[in-house]
């Protein structure tokens, strides 16, 4: 876990007020710790990295970022669902697994 100032040091040209704006817009949702200090978990830092790359590397306009984040979140949720489905199918008896594989080939 990291505090806001530690996260800022990872991104050379990211200002504290810009990151605060991303939090206000709920693009990043760190935990609010004691004494009103934001606590960033690894997933939050990864999200900051993603937004940073969208804004700096890809020059994504501010008004487009919510759409991109929403689509990426949907892809992530879909991957999680497919992983769960794959595990559930794999746990079935051999004849059920074979029937599912046959249905996928059709």
PDB file of N, CA and C in Angstrom:
ATOM      1  N   UNK A   1       0.843  -1.182   0.000  1.00  0.00           N
ATOM      2  CA  UNK A   1       0.000   0.000   0.000  1.00  0.00           C
ATOM      3  C   UNK A   1       0.887   1.244   0.000  1.00  0.00           C
ATOM      4  N   UNK A   2       0.399   2.267  -0.663  1.00  0.00           N
ATOM      5  CA  UNK A   2       1.167   3.502  -0.786  1.00  0.00           C
ATOM      6  C   UNK A   2       0.265   4.700  -0.501  1.00  0.00           C
ATOM      7  N   UNK A   3       0.876   5.745  -0.012  1.00  0.00           N
ATOM      8  CA  UNK A   3       0.152   7.001   0.160  1.00  0.00           C
ATOM      9  C   UNK A   3       0.284   7.831  -1.111  1.00  0.00           C
ATOM     10  N   UNK A   4      -0.543   8.857  -1.217  1.00  0.00           N
ATOM     11  CA  UNK A   4      -0.612   9.696  -2.408  1.00  0.00           C
ATOM     12  C   UNK A   4       0.757  10.222  -2.826  1.00  0.00           C
ATOM     13  N   UNK A   5       1.524  10.740  -1.903  1.00  0.00           N
ATOM     14  CA  UNK A   5       2.834  11.312  -2.246  1.00  0.00           C
ATOM     15  C   UNK A   5       3.779  10.266  -2.829  1.00  0.00           C
ATOM     16  N   UNK A   6       3.703   9.040  -2.342  1.00  0.00           N
ATOM     17  CA  UNK A   6       4.543   7.975  -2.877  1.00  0.00           C
ATOM     18  C   UNK A   6       4.118   7.605  -4.294  1.00  0.00           C
ATOM     19  N   UNK A   7       2.816   7.627  -4.541  1.00  0.00           N
ATOM     20  CA  UNK A   7       2.315   7.328  -5.888  1.00  0.00           C
ATOM     21  C   UNK A   7       2.774   8.415  -6.853  1.00  0.00           C
ATOM     22  N   UNK A   8       2.689   9.651  -6.438  1.00  0.00           N
ATOM     23  CA  UNK A   8       3.096  10.784  -7.280  1.00  0.00           C
ATOM     24  C   UNK A   8       4.551  10.640  -7.726  1.00  0.00           C
ATOM     25  N   UNK A   9       5.405  10.134  -6.850  1.00  0.00           N
ATOM     26  CA  UNK A   9       6.829  10.017  -7.198  1.00  0.00           C
ATOM     27  C   UNK A   9       7.067   8.990  -8.308  1.00  0.00           C
ATOM     28  N   UNK A  10       6.122   8.093  -8.529  1.00  0.00           N
ATOM     29  CA  UNK A  10       6.270   7.085  -9.586  1.00  0.00           C
ATOM     30  C   UNK A  10       6.059   7.663 -10.986  1.00  0.00           C
ATOM     31  N   UNK A  11       5.426   8.821 -11.049  1.00  0.00           N
ATOM     32  CA  UNK A  11       5.056   9.428 -12.329  1.00  0.00           C
ATOM     33  C   UNK A  11       5.637  10.838 -12.376  1.00  0.00           C
ATOM     34  N   UNK A  12       6.711  11.013 -13.123  1.00  0.00           N
ATOM     35  CA  UNK A  12       7.489  12.251 -13.067  1.00  0.00           C
ATOM     36  C   UNK A  12       6.708  13.542 -13.283  1.00  0.00           C
ATOM     37  N   UNK A  13       5.769  13.562 -14.212  1.00  0.00           N
ATOM     38  CA  UNK A  13       5.084  14.821 -14.495  1.00  0.00           C
ATOM     39  C   UNK A  13       3.613  14.804 -14.079  1.00  0.00           C
ATOM     40  N   UNK A  14       3.275  13.946 -13.131  1.00  0.00           N
ATOM     41  CA  UNK A  14       1.908  13.901 -12.605  1.00  0.00           C
ATOM     42  C   UNK A  14       1.818  14.765 -11.352  1.00  0.00           C
ATOM     43  N   UNK A  15       1.009  15.790 -11.425  1.00  0.00           N
ATOM     44  CA  UNK A  15       0.847  16.702 -10.296  1.00  0.00           C
ATOM     45  C   UNK A  15      -0.181  16.139  -9.315  1.00  0.00           C
ATOM     46  N   UNK A  16      -0.027  16.496  -8.060  1.00  0.00           N
ATOM     47  CA  UNK A  16      -0.942  16.041  -7.019  1.00  0.00           C
ATOM     48  C   UNK A  16      -2.371  16.463  -7.327  1.00  0.00           C
ATOM     49  N   UNK A  17      -2.555  17.682  -7.815  1.00  0.00           N
ATOM     50  CA  UNK A  17      -3.914  18.143  -8.097  1.00  0.00           C
ATOM     51  C   UNK A  17      -4.541  17.381  -9.272  1.00  0.00           C
ATOM     52  N   UNK A  18      -3.724  16.920 -10.223  1.00  0.00           N
ATOM     53  CA  UNK A  18      -4.260  16.129 -11.327  1.00  0.00           C
ATOM     54  C   UNK A  18      -4.720  14.758 -10.822  1.00  0.00           C
ATOM     55  N   UNK A  19      -3.909  14.136  -9.992  1.00  0.00           N
ATOM     56  CA  UNK A  19      -4.308  12.851  -9.416  1.00  0.00           C
ATOM     57  C   UNK A  19      -5.542  13.030  -8.539  1.00  0.00           C
ATOM     58  N   UNK A  20      -5.600  14.109  -7.796  1.00  0.00           N
ATOM     59  CA  UNK A  20      -6.778  14.391  -6.965  1.00  0.00           C
ATOM     60  C   UNK A  20      -8.030  14.523  -7.839  1.00  0.00           C
ATOM     61  N   UNK A  21      -7.872  15.127  -9.001  1.00  0.00           N
ATOM     62  CA  UNK A  21      -9.008  15.246  -9.925  1.00  0.00           C
ATOM     63  C   UNK A  21      -9.458  13.868 -10.411  1.00  0.00           C
ATOM     64  N   UNK A  22      -8.511  12.987 -10.687  1.00  0.00           N
ATOM     65  CA  UNK A  22      -8.867  11.625 -11.116  1.00  0.00           C
ATOM     66  C   UNK A  22      -9.639  10.905 -10.014  1.00  0.00           C
ATOM     67  N   UNK A  23      -9.250  11.179  -8.763  1.00  0.00           N
ATOM     68  CA  UNK A  23      -9.963  10.573  -7.625  1.00  0.00           C
ATOM     69  C   UNK A  23     -11.366  11.179  -7.521  1.00  0.00           C
ATOM     70  N   UNK A  24     -11.473  12.494  -7.667  1.00  0.00           N
ATOM     71  CA  UNK A  24     -12.786  13.157  -7.628  1.00  0.00           C
ATOM     72  C   UNK A  24     -13.714  12.620  -8.710  1.00  0.00           C
ATOM     73  N   UNK A  25     -13.159  12.357  -9.871  1.00  0.00           N
ATOM     74  CA  UNK A  25     -13.952  11.824 -10.984  1.00  0.00           C
ATOM     75  C   UNK A  25     -14.229  10.325 -10.820  1.00  0.00           C
ATOM     76  N   UNK A  26     -13.643   9.726  -9.783  1.00  0.00           N
ATOM     77  CA  UNK A  26     -13.812   8.309  -9.450  1.00  0.00           C
ATOM     78  C   UNK A  26     -13.202   7.392 -10.510  1.00  0.00           C
ATOM     79  N   UNK A  27     -12.187   7.914 -11.208  1.00  0.00           N
ATOM     80  CA  UNK A  27     -11.445   7.086 -12.150  1.00  0.00           C
ATOM     81  C   UNK A  27     -10.519   6.161 -11.372  1.00  0.00           C
ATOM     82  N   UNK A  28     -10.065   6.635 -10.232  1.00  0.00           N
ATOM     83  CA  UNK A  28      -9.241   5.878  -9.289  1.00  0.00           C
ATOM     84  C   UNK A  28      -9.954   5.964  -7.959  1.00  0.00           C
ATOM     85  N   UNK A  29     -10.027   4.854  -7.239  1.00  0.00           N
ATOM     86  CA  UNK A  29     -10.780   4.852  -5.984  1.00  0.00           C
ATOM     87  C   UNK A  29      -9.938   4.280  -4.842  1.00  0.00           C
ATOM     88  N   UNK A  30      -8.909   5.041  -4.425  1.00  0.00           N
ATOM     89  CA  UNK A  30      -8.101   4.576  -3.297  1.00  0.00           C
ATOM     90  C   UNK A  30      -8.919   4.582  -2.012  1.00  0.00           C
ATOM     91  N   UNK A  31      -8.398   3.898  -1.042  1.00  0.00           N
ATOM     92  CA  UNK A  31      -9.037   3.830   0.274  1.00  0.00           C
ATOM     93  C   UNK A  31      -8.699   5.101   1.052  1.00  0.00           C
ATOM     94  N   UNK A  32      -9.667   5.627   1.746  1.00  0.00           N
ATOM     95  CA  UNK A  32      -9.413   6.793   2.592  1.00  0.00           C
ATOM     96  C   UNK A  32      -9.017   6.289   3.973  1.00  0.00           C
ATOM     97  N   UNK A  33      -7.752   6.502   4.318  1.00  0.00           N
ATOM     98  CA  UNK A  33      -7.238   6.014   5.589  1.00  0.00           C
ATOM     99  C   UNK A  33      -7.464   7.010   6.717  1.00  0.00           C
ATOM    100  N   UNK A  34      -6.779   6.786   7.815  1.00  0.00           N
ATOM    101  CA  UNK A  34      -6.855   7.681   8.968  1.00  0.00           C
ATOM    102  C   UNK A  34      -6.358   9.071   8.595  1.00  0.00           C
ATOM    103  N   UNK A  35      -6.899  10.060   9.208  1.00  0.00           N
ATOM    104  CA  UNK A  35      -6.495  11.452   9.041  1.00  0.00           C
ATOM    105  C   UNK A  35      -6.620  11.891   7.570  1.00  0.00           C
ATOM    106  N   UNK A  36      -7.645  11.386   6.898  1.00  0.00           N
ATOM    107  CA  UNK A  36      -7.932  11.769   5.513  1.00  0.00           C
ATOM    108  C   UNK A  36      -6.741  11.593   4.567  1.00  0.00           C
ATOM    109  N   UNK A  37      -6.027  10.494   4.708  1.00  0.00           N
ATOM    110  CA  UNK A  37      -4.899  10.179   3.829  1.00  0.00           C
ATOM    111  C   UNK A  37      -5.341   9.077   2.874  1.00  0.00           C
ATOM    112  N   UNK A  38      -5.130   9.305   1.569  1.00  0.00           N
ATOM    113  CA  UNK A  38      -5.484   8.296   0.587  1.00  0.00           C
ATOM    114  C   UNK A  38      -4.466   7.160   0.620  1.00  0.00           C
ATOM    115  N   UNK A  39      -4.978   5.928   0.637  1.00  0.00           N
ATOM    116  CA  UNK A  39      -4.136   4.735   0.615  1.00  0.00           C
ATOM    117  C   UNK A  39      -4.369   4.023  -0.711  1.00  0.00           C
ATOM    118  N   UNK A  40      -3.315   3.853  -1.484  1.00  0.00           N
ATOM    119  CA  UNK A  40      -3.393   3.219  -2.791  1.00  0.00           C
ATOM    120  C   UNK A  40      -2.915   1.779  -2.692  1.00  0.00           C
ATOM    121  N   UNK A  41      -3.789   0.857  -3.045  1.00  0.00           N
ATOM    122  CA  UNK A  41      -3.432  -0.553  -3.132  1.00  0.00           C
ATOM    123  C   UNK A  41      -2.793  -0.782  -4.506  1.00  0.00           C
ATOM    124  N   UNK A  42      -2.136  -1.909  -4.715  1.00  0.00           N
ATOM    125  CA  UNK A  42      -1.507  -2.157  -6.023  1.00  0.00           C
ATOM    126  C   UNK A  42      -2.466  -1.986  -7.207  1.00  0.00           C
ATOM    127  N   UNK A  43      -3.717  -2.397  -7.044  1.00  0.00           N
ATOM    128  CA  UNK A  43      -4.688  -2.233  -8.135  1.00  0.00           C
ATOM    129  C   UNK A  43      -4.947  -0.752  -8.418  1.00  0.00           C
ATOM    130  N   UNK A  44      -4.911   0.083  -7.394  1.00  0.00           N
ATOM    131  CA  UNK A  44      -5.100   1.528  -7.577  1.00  0.00           C
ATOM    132  C   UNK A  44      -3.911   2.137  -8.324  1.00  0.00           C
ATOM    133  N   UNK A  45      -2.712   1.690  -7.970  1.00  0.00           N
ATOM    134  CA  UNK A  45      -1.509   2.192  -8.644  1.00  0.00           C
ATOM    135  C   UNK A  45      -1.534   1.764 -10.114  1.00  0.00           C
ATOM    136  N   UNK A  46      -1.986   0.540 -10.377  1.00  0.00           N
ATOM    137  CA  UNK A  46      -2.103   0.070 -11.760  1.00  0.00           C
ATOM    138  C   UNK A  46      -3.116   0.925 -12.527  1.00  0.00           C
ATOM    139  N   UNK A  47      -4.193   1.301 -11.865  1.00  0.00           N
ATOM    140  CA  UNK A  47      -5.211   2.142 -12.494  1.00  0.00           C
ATOM    141  C   UNK A  47      -4.640   3.531 -12.796  1.00  0.00           C
ATOM    142  N   UNK A  48      -3.854   4.076 -11.862  1.00  0.00           N
ATOM    143  CA  UNK A  48      -3.186   5.361 -12.100  1.00  0.00           C
ATOM    144  C   UNK A  48      -2.260   5.230 -13.310  1.00  0.00           C
ATOM    145  N   UNK A  49      -1.519   4.129 -13.384  1.00  0.00           N
ATOM    146  CA  UNK A  49      -0.614   3.899 -14.518  1.00  0.00           C
ATOM    147  C   UNK A  49      -1.398   3.880 -15.832  1.00  0.00           C
ATOM    148  N   UNK A  50      -2.542   3.200 -15.826  1.00  0.00           N
ATOM    149  CA  UNK A  50      -3.382   3.128 -17.017  1.00  0.00           C
ATOM    150  C   UNK A  50      -3.851   4.524 -17.443  1.00  0.00           C
ATOM    151  N   UNK A  51      -4.375   5.282 -16.503  1.00  0.00           N
ATOM    152  CA  UNK A  51      -4.871   6.624 -16.823  1.00  0.00           C
ATOM    153  C   UNK A  51      -3.727   7.527 -17.258  1.00  0.00           C
ATOM    154  N   UNK A  52      -2.611   7.402 -16.572  1.00  0.00           N
ATOM    155  CA  UNK A  52      -1.422   8.174 -16.935  1.00  0.00           C
ATOM    156  C   UNK A  52      -1.026   7.878 -18.380  1.00  0.00           C
ATOM    157  N   UNK A  53      -0.998   6.601 -18.747  1.00  0.00           N
ATOM    158  CA  UNK A  53      -0.649   6.219 -20.118  1.00  0.00           C
ATOM    159  C   UNK A  53      -1.679   6.730 -21.123  1.00  0.00           C
ATOM    160  N   UNK A  54      -2.957   6.640 -20.746  1.00  0.00           N
ATOM    161  CA  UNK A  54      -3.992   7.159 -21.638  1.00  0.00           C
ATOM    162  C   UNK A  54      -3.794   8.655 -21.898  1.00  0.00           C
ATOM    163  N   UNK A  55      -3.533   9.383 -20.834  1.00  0.00           N
ATOM    164  CA  UNK A  55      -3.416  10.841 -20.957  1.00  0.00           C
ATOM    165  C   UNK A  55      -2.089  11.264 -21.578  1.00  0.00           C
ATOM    166  N   UNK A  56      -0.971  10.656 -21.141  1.00  0.00           N
ATOM    167  CA  UNK A  56       0.344  11.125 -21.590  1.00  0.00           C
ATOM    168  C   UNK A  56       0.784  10.445 -22.889  1.00  0.00           C
ATOM    169  N   UNK A  57       0.770   9.145 -22.911  1.00  0.00           N
ATOM    170  CA  UNK A  57       1.296   8.414 -24.057  1.00  0.00           C
ATOM    171  C   UNK A  57       0.337   8.430 -25.242  1.00  0.00           C
ATOM    172  N   UNK A  58      -0.943   8.199 -24.967  1.00  0.00           N
ATOM    173  CA  UNK A  58      -1.930   8.128 -26.045  1.00  0.00           C
ATOM    174  C   UNK A  58      -2.649   9.449 -26.286  1.00  0.00           C
ATOM    175  N   UNK A  59      -2.377  10.425 -25.439  1.00  0.00           N
ATOM    176  CA  UNK A  59      -2.977  11.761 -25.568  1.00  0.00           C
ATOM    177  C   UNK A  59      -4.508  11.693 -25.650  1.00  0.00           C
ATOM    178  N   UNK A  60      -5.090  10.842 -24.819  1.00  0.00           N
ATOM    179  CA  UNK A  60      -6.548  10.695 -24.785  1.00  0.00           C
ATOM    180  C   UNK A  60      -7.179  11.920 -24.135  1.00  0.00           C
ATOM    181  N   UNK A  61      -8.156  12.527 -24.790  1.00  0.00           N
ATOM    182  CA  UNK A  61      -8.807  13.706 -24.202  1.00  0.00           C
ATOM    183  C   UNK A  61      -9.522  13.348 -22.887  1.00  0.00           C
ATOM    184  N   UNK A  62      -9.569  14.298 -21.977  1.00  0.00           N
ATOM    185  CA  UNK A  62     -10.204  14.081 -20.665  1.00  0.00           C
ATOM    186  C   UNK A  62     -11.621  13.546 -20.809  1.00  0.00           C
ATOM    187  N   UNK A  63     -12.383  14.096 -21.759  1.00  0.00           N
ATOM    188  CA  UNK A  63     -13.783  13.691 -21.895  1.00  0.00           C
ATOM    189  C   UNK A  63     -13.933  12.271 -22.448  1.00  0.00           C
ATOM    190  N   UNK A  64     -12.857  11.710 -23.014  1.00  0.00           N
ATOM    191  CA  UNK A  64     -12.902  10.363 -23.570  1.00  0.00           C
ATOM    192  C   UNK A  64     -12.466   9.308 -22.551  1.00  0.00           C
ATOM    193  N   UNK A  65     -11.700   9.704 -21.557  1.00  0.00           N
ATOM    194  CA  UNK A  65     -11.160   8.762 -20.574  1.00  0.00           C
ATOM    195  C   UNK A  65     -12.252   7.930 -19.900  1.00  0.00           C
ATOM    196  N   UNK A  66     -13.385   8.500 -19.463  1.00  0.00           N
ATOM    197  CA  UNK A  66     -14.407   7.662 -18.824  1.00  0.00           C
ATOM    198  C   UNK A  66     -14.919   6.547 -19.742  1.00  0.00           C
ATOM    199  N   UNK A  67     -15.082   6.835 -21.014  1.00  0.00           N
ATOM    200  CA  UNK A  67     -15.527   5.816 -21.953  1.00  0.00           C
ATOM    201  C   UNK A  67     -14.492   4.707 -22.082  1.00  0.00           C
ATOM    202  N   UNK A  68     -13.237   5.073 -22.239  1.00  0.00           N
ATOM    203  CA  UNK A  68     -12.167   4.082 -22.368  1.00  0.00           C
ATOM    204  C   UNK A  68     -12.086   3.227 -21.105  1.00  0.00           C
ATOM    205  N   UNK A  69     -12.134   3.864 -19.938  1.00  0.00           N
ATOM    206  CA  UNK A  69     -12.073   3.118 -18.679  1.00  0.00           C
ATOM    207  C   UNK A  69     -13.266   2.178 -18.538  1.00  0.00           C
ATOM    208  N   UNK A  70     -14.441   2.644 -18.915  1.00  0.00           N
ATOM    209  CA  UNK A  70     -15.636   1.806 -18.839  1.00  0.00           C
ATOM    210  C   UNK A  70     -15.502   0.584 -19.736  1.00  0.00           C
ATOM    211  N   UNK A  71     -15.033   0.778 -20.948  1.00  0.00           N
ATOM    212  CA  UNK A  71     -14.855  -0.350 -21.867  1.00  0.00           C
ATOM    213  C   UNK A  71     -13.799  -1.331 -21.352  1.00  0.00           C
ATOM    214  N   UNK A  72     -12.706  -0.801 -20.823  1.00  0.00           N
ATOM    215  CA  UNK A  72     -11.664  -1.681 -20.274  1.00  0.00           C
ATOM    216  C   UNK A  72     -12.177  -2.435 -19.045  1.00  0.00           C
ATOM    217  N   UNK A  73     -12.973  -1.774 -18.215  1.00  0.00           N
ATOM    218  CA  UNK A  73     -13.566  -2.447 -17.052  1.00  0.00           C
ATOM    219  C   UNK A  73     -14.505  -3.568 -17.498  1.00  0.00           C
ATOM    220  N   UNK A  74     -15.272  -3.325 -18.560  1.00  0.00           N
ATOM    221  CA  UNK A  74     -16.167  -4.361 -19.076  1.00  0.00           C
ATOM    222  C   UNK A  74     -15.382  -5.549 -19.612  1.00  0.00           C
ATOM    223  N   UNK A  75     -14.273  -5.281 -20.289  1.00  0.00           N
ATOM    224  CA  UNK A  75     -13.431  -6.374 -20.782  1.00  0.00           C
ATOM    225  C   UNK A  75     -12.872  -7.174 -19.616  1.00  0.00           C
ATOM    226  N   UNK A  76     -12.420  -6.486 -18.578  1.00  0.00           N
ATOM    227  CA  UNK A  76     -11.882  -7.168 -17.398  1.00  0.00           C
ATOM    228  C   UNK A  76     -12.962  -8.051 -16.755  1.00  0.00           C
ATOM    229  N   UNK A  77     -14.174  -7.507 -16.588  1.00  0.00           N
ATOM    230  CA  UNK A  77     -15.269  -8.280 -15.999  1.00  0.00           C
ATOM    231  C   UNK A  77     -15.597  -9.499 -16.854  1.00  0.00           C
ATOM    232  N   UNK A  78     -15.584  -9.322 -18.165  1.00  0.00           N
ATOM    233  CA  UNK A  78     -15.849 -10.430 -19.076  1.00  0.00           C
ATOM    234  C   UNK A  78     -14.782 -11.509 -18.947  1.00  0.00           C
ATOM    235  N   UNK A  79     -13.537 -11.101 -18.851  1.00  0.00           N
ATOM    236  CA  UNK A  79     -12.451 -12.081 -18.674  1.00  0.00           C
ATOM    237  C   UNK A  79     -12.632 -12.862 -17.376  1.00  0.00           C
ATOM    238  N   UNK A  80     -13.021 -12.185 -16.300  1.00  0.00           N
ATOM    239  CA  UNK A  80     -13.253 -12.861 -15.022  1.00  0.00           C
ATOM    240  C   UNK A  80     -14.403 -13.856 -15.131  1.00  0.00           C
ATOM    241  N   UNK A  81     -15.468 -13.452 -15.812  1.00  0.00           N
ATOM    242  CA  UNK A  81     -16.618 -14.334 -16.000  1.00  0.00           C
ATOM    243  C   UNK A  81     -16.233 -15.551 -16.833  1.00  0.00           C
ATOM    244  N   UNK A  82     -15.489 -15.332 -17.909  1.00  0.00           N
ATOM    245  CA  UNK A  82     -15.058 -16.444 -18.754  1.00  0.00           C
ATOM    246  C   UNK A  82     -14.124 -17.396 -18.002  1.00  0.00           C
ATOM    247  N   UNK A  83     -13.275 -16.850 -17.156  1.00  0.00           N
ATOM    248  CA  UNK A  83     -12.389 -17.693 -16.346  1.00  0.00           C
ATOM    249  C   UNK A  83     -13.213 -18.566 -15.406  1.00  0.00           C
ATOM    250  N   UNK A  84     -14.209 -17.970 -14.745  1.00  0.00           N
ATOM    251  CA  UNK A  84     -15.081 -18.739 -13.844  1.00  0.00           C
ATOM    252  C   UNK A  84     -15.844 -19.809 -14.612  1.00  0.00           C
ATOM    253  N   UNK A  85     -16.343 -19.464 -15.780  1.00  0.00           N
ATOM    254  CA  UNK A  85     -17.074 -20.417 -16.610  1.00  0.00           C
ATOM    255  C   UNK A  85     -16.165 -21.565 -17.042  1.00  0.00           C
ATOM    256  N   UNK A  86     -14.953 -21.243 -17.447  1.00  0.00           N
ATOM    257  CA  UNK A  86     -13.992 -22.264 -17.857  1.00  0.00           C
ATOM    258  C   UNK A  86     -13.685 -23.213 -16.702  1.00  0.00           C
ATOM    259  N   UNK A  87     -13.503 -22.672 -15.511  1.00  0.00           N
ATOM    260  CA  UNK A  87     -13.229 -23.506 -14.341  1.00  0.00           C
ATOM    261  C   UNK A  87     -14.428 -24.383 -13.999  1.00  0.00           C
ATOM    262  N   UNK A  88     -15.640 -23.830 -14.127  1.00  0.00           N
ATOM    263  CA  UNK A  88     -16.848 -24.609 -13.833  1.00  0.00           C
ATOM    264  C   UNK A  88     -17.023 -25.750 -14.831  1.00  0.00           C
ATOM    265  N   UNK A  89     -16.785 -25.466 -16.095  1.00  0.00           N
ATOM    266  CA  UNK A  89     -16.907 -26.511 -17.122  1.00  0.00           C
ATOM    267  C   UNK A  89     -15.830 -27.580 -16.913  1.00  0.00           C
ATOM    268  N   UNK A  90     -14.624 -27.163 -16.615  1.00  0.00           N
ATOM    269  CA  UNK A  90     -13.532 -28.111 -16.408  1.00  0.00           C
ATOM    270  C   UNK A  90     -13.787 -29.035 -15.224  1.00  0.00           C
ATOM    271  N   UNK A  91     -14.583 -28.585 -14.260  1.00  0.00           N
ATOM    272  CA  UNK A  91     -14.875 -29.394 -13.071  1.00  0.00           C
ATOM    273  C   UNK A  91     -16.001 -30.403 -13.308  1.00  0.00           C
ATOM    274  N   UNK A  92     -16.611 -30.389 -14.473  1.00  0.00           N
ATOM    275  CA  UNK A  92     -17.732 -31.291 -14.768  1.00  0.00           C
ATOM    276  C   UNK A  92     -17.224 -32.679 -15.139  1.00  0.00           C
ATOM    277  N   UNK A  93     -18.107 -33.672 -15.042  1.00  0.00           N
ATOM    278  CA  UNK A  93     -17.725 -35.023 -15.463  1.00  0.00           C
ATOM    279  C   UNK A  93     -17.306 -35.031 -16.940  1.00  0.00           C
ATOM    280  N   UNK A  94     -16.529 -36.023 -17.313  1.00  0.00           N
ATOM    281  CA  UNK A  94     -15.948 -36.110 -18.655  1.00  0.00           C
ATOM    282  C   UNK A  94     -17.003 -36.025 -19.754  1.00  0.00           C
ATOM    283  N   UNK A  95     -18.168 -36.676 -19.551  1.00  0.00           N
ATOM    284  CA  UNK A  95     -19.189 -36.662 -20.604  1.00  0.00           C
ATOM    285  C   UNK A  95     -19.787 -35.266 -20.792  1.00  0.00           C
ATOM    286  N   UNK A  96     -19.915 -34.508 -19.702  1.00  0.00           N
ATOM    287  CA  UNK A  96     -20.422 -33.144 -19.806  1.00  0.00           C
ATOM    288  C   UNK A  96     -19.376 -32.275 -20.502  1.00  0.00           C
ATOM    289  N   UNK A  97     -18.128 -32.422 -20.119  1.00  0.00           N
ATOM    290  CA  UNK A  97     -17.040 -31.670 -20.742  1.00  0.00           C
ATOM    291  C   UNK A  97     -16.985 -31.973 -22.235  1.00  0.00           C
ATOM    292  N   UNK A  98     -17.115 -33.243 -22.599  1.00  0.00           N
ATOM    293  CA  UNK A  98     -17.104 -33.625 -24.015  1.00  0.00           C
ATOM    294  C   UNK A  98     -18.284 -33.002 -24.766  1.00  0.00           C
ATOM    295  N   UNK A  99     -19.453 -32.974 -24.135  1.00  0.00           N
ATOM    296  CA  UNK A  99     -20.629 -32.384 -24.781  1.00  0.00           C
ATOM    297  C   UNK A  99     -20.433 -30.883 -24.985  1.00  0.00           C
ATOM    298  N   UNK A 100     -19.843 -30.232 -24.023  1.00  0.00           N
ATOM    299  CA  UNK A 100     -19.602 -28.786 -24.152  1.00  0.00           C
ATOM    300  C   UNK A 100     -18.594 -28.533 -25.270  1.00  0.00           C
ATOM    301  N   UNK A 101     -17.532 -29.335 -25.308  1.00  0.00           N
ATOM    302  CA  UNK A 101     -16.524 -29.170 -26.380  1.00  0.00           C
ATOM    303  C   UNK A 101     -17.132 -29.437 -27.750  1.00  0.00           C
ATOM    304  N   UNK A 102     -17.990 -30.431 -27.854  1.00  0.00           N
ATOM    305  CA  UNK A 102     -18.677 -30.715 -29.120  1.00  0.00           C
ATOM    306  C   UNK A 102     -19.570 -29.537 -29.526  1.00  0.00           C
ATOM    307  N   UNK A 103     -20.271 -28.975 -28.566  1.00  0.00           N
ATOM    308  CA  UNK A 103     -21.153 -27.851 -28.855  1.00  0.00           C
ATOM    309  C   UNK A 103     -20.346 -26.631 -29.306  1.00  0.00           C
ATOM    310  N   UNK A 104     -19.149 -26.444 -28.749  1.00  0.00           N
ATOM    311  CA  UNK A 104     -18.316 -25.321 -29.153  1.00  0.00           C
ATOM    312  C   UNK A 104     -17.788 -25.489 -30.583  1.00  0.00           C
ATOM    313  N   UNK A 105     -17.574 -26.731 -30.988  1.00  0.00           N
ATOM    314  CA  UNK A 105     -17.069 -27.001 -32.341  1.00  0.00           C
ATOM    315  C   UNK A 105     -18.148 -26.788 -33.390  1.00  0.00           C
ATOM    316  N   UNK A 106     -19.407 -26.899 -32.982  1.00  0.00           N
ATOM    317  CA  UNK A 106     -20.509 -26.787 -33.948  1.00  0.00           C
ATOM    318  C   UNK A 106     -20.751 -25.369 -34.401  1.00  0.00           C
TER     319      UNK A 106
END
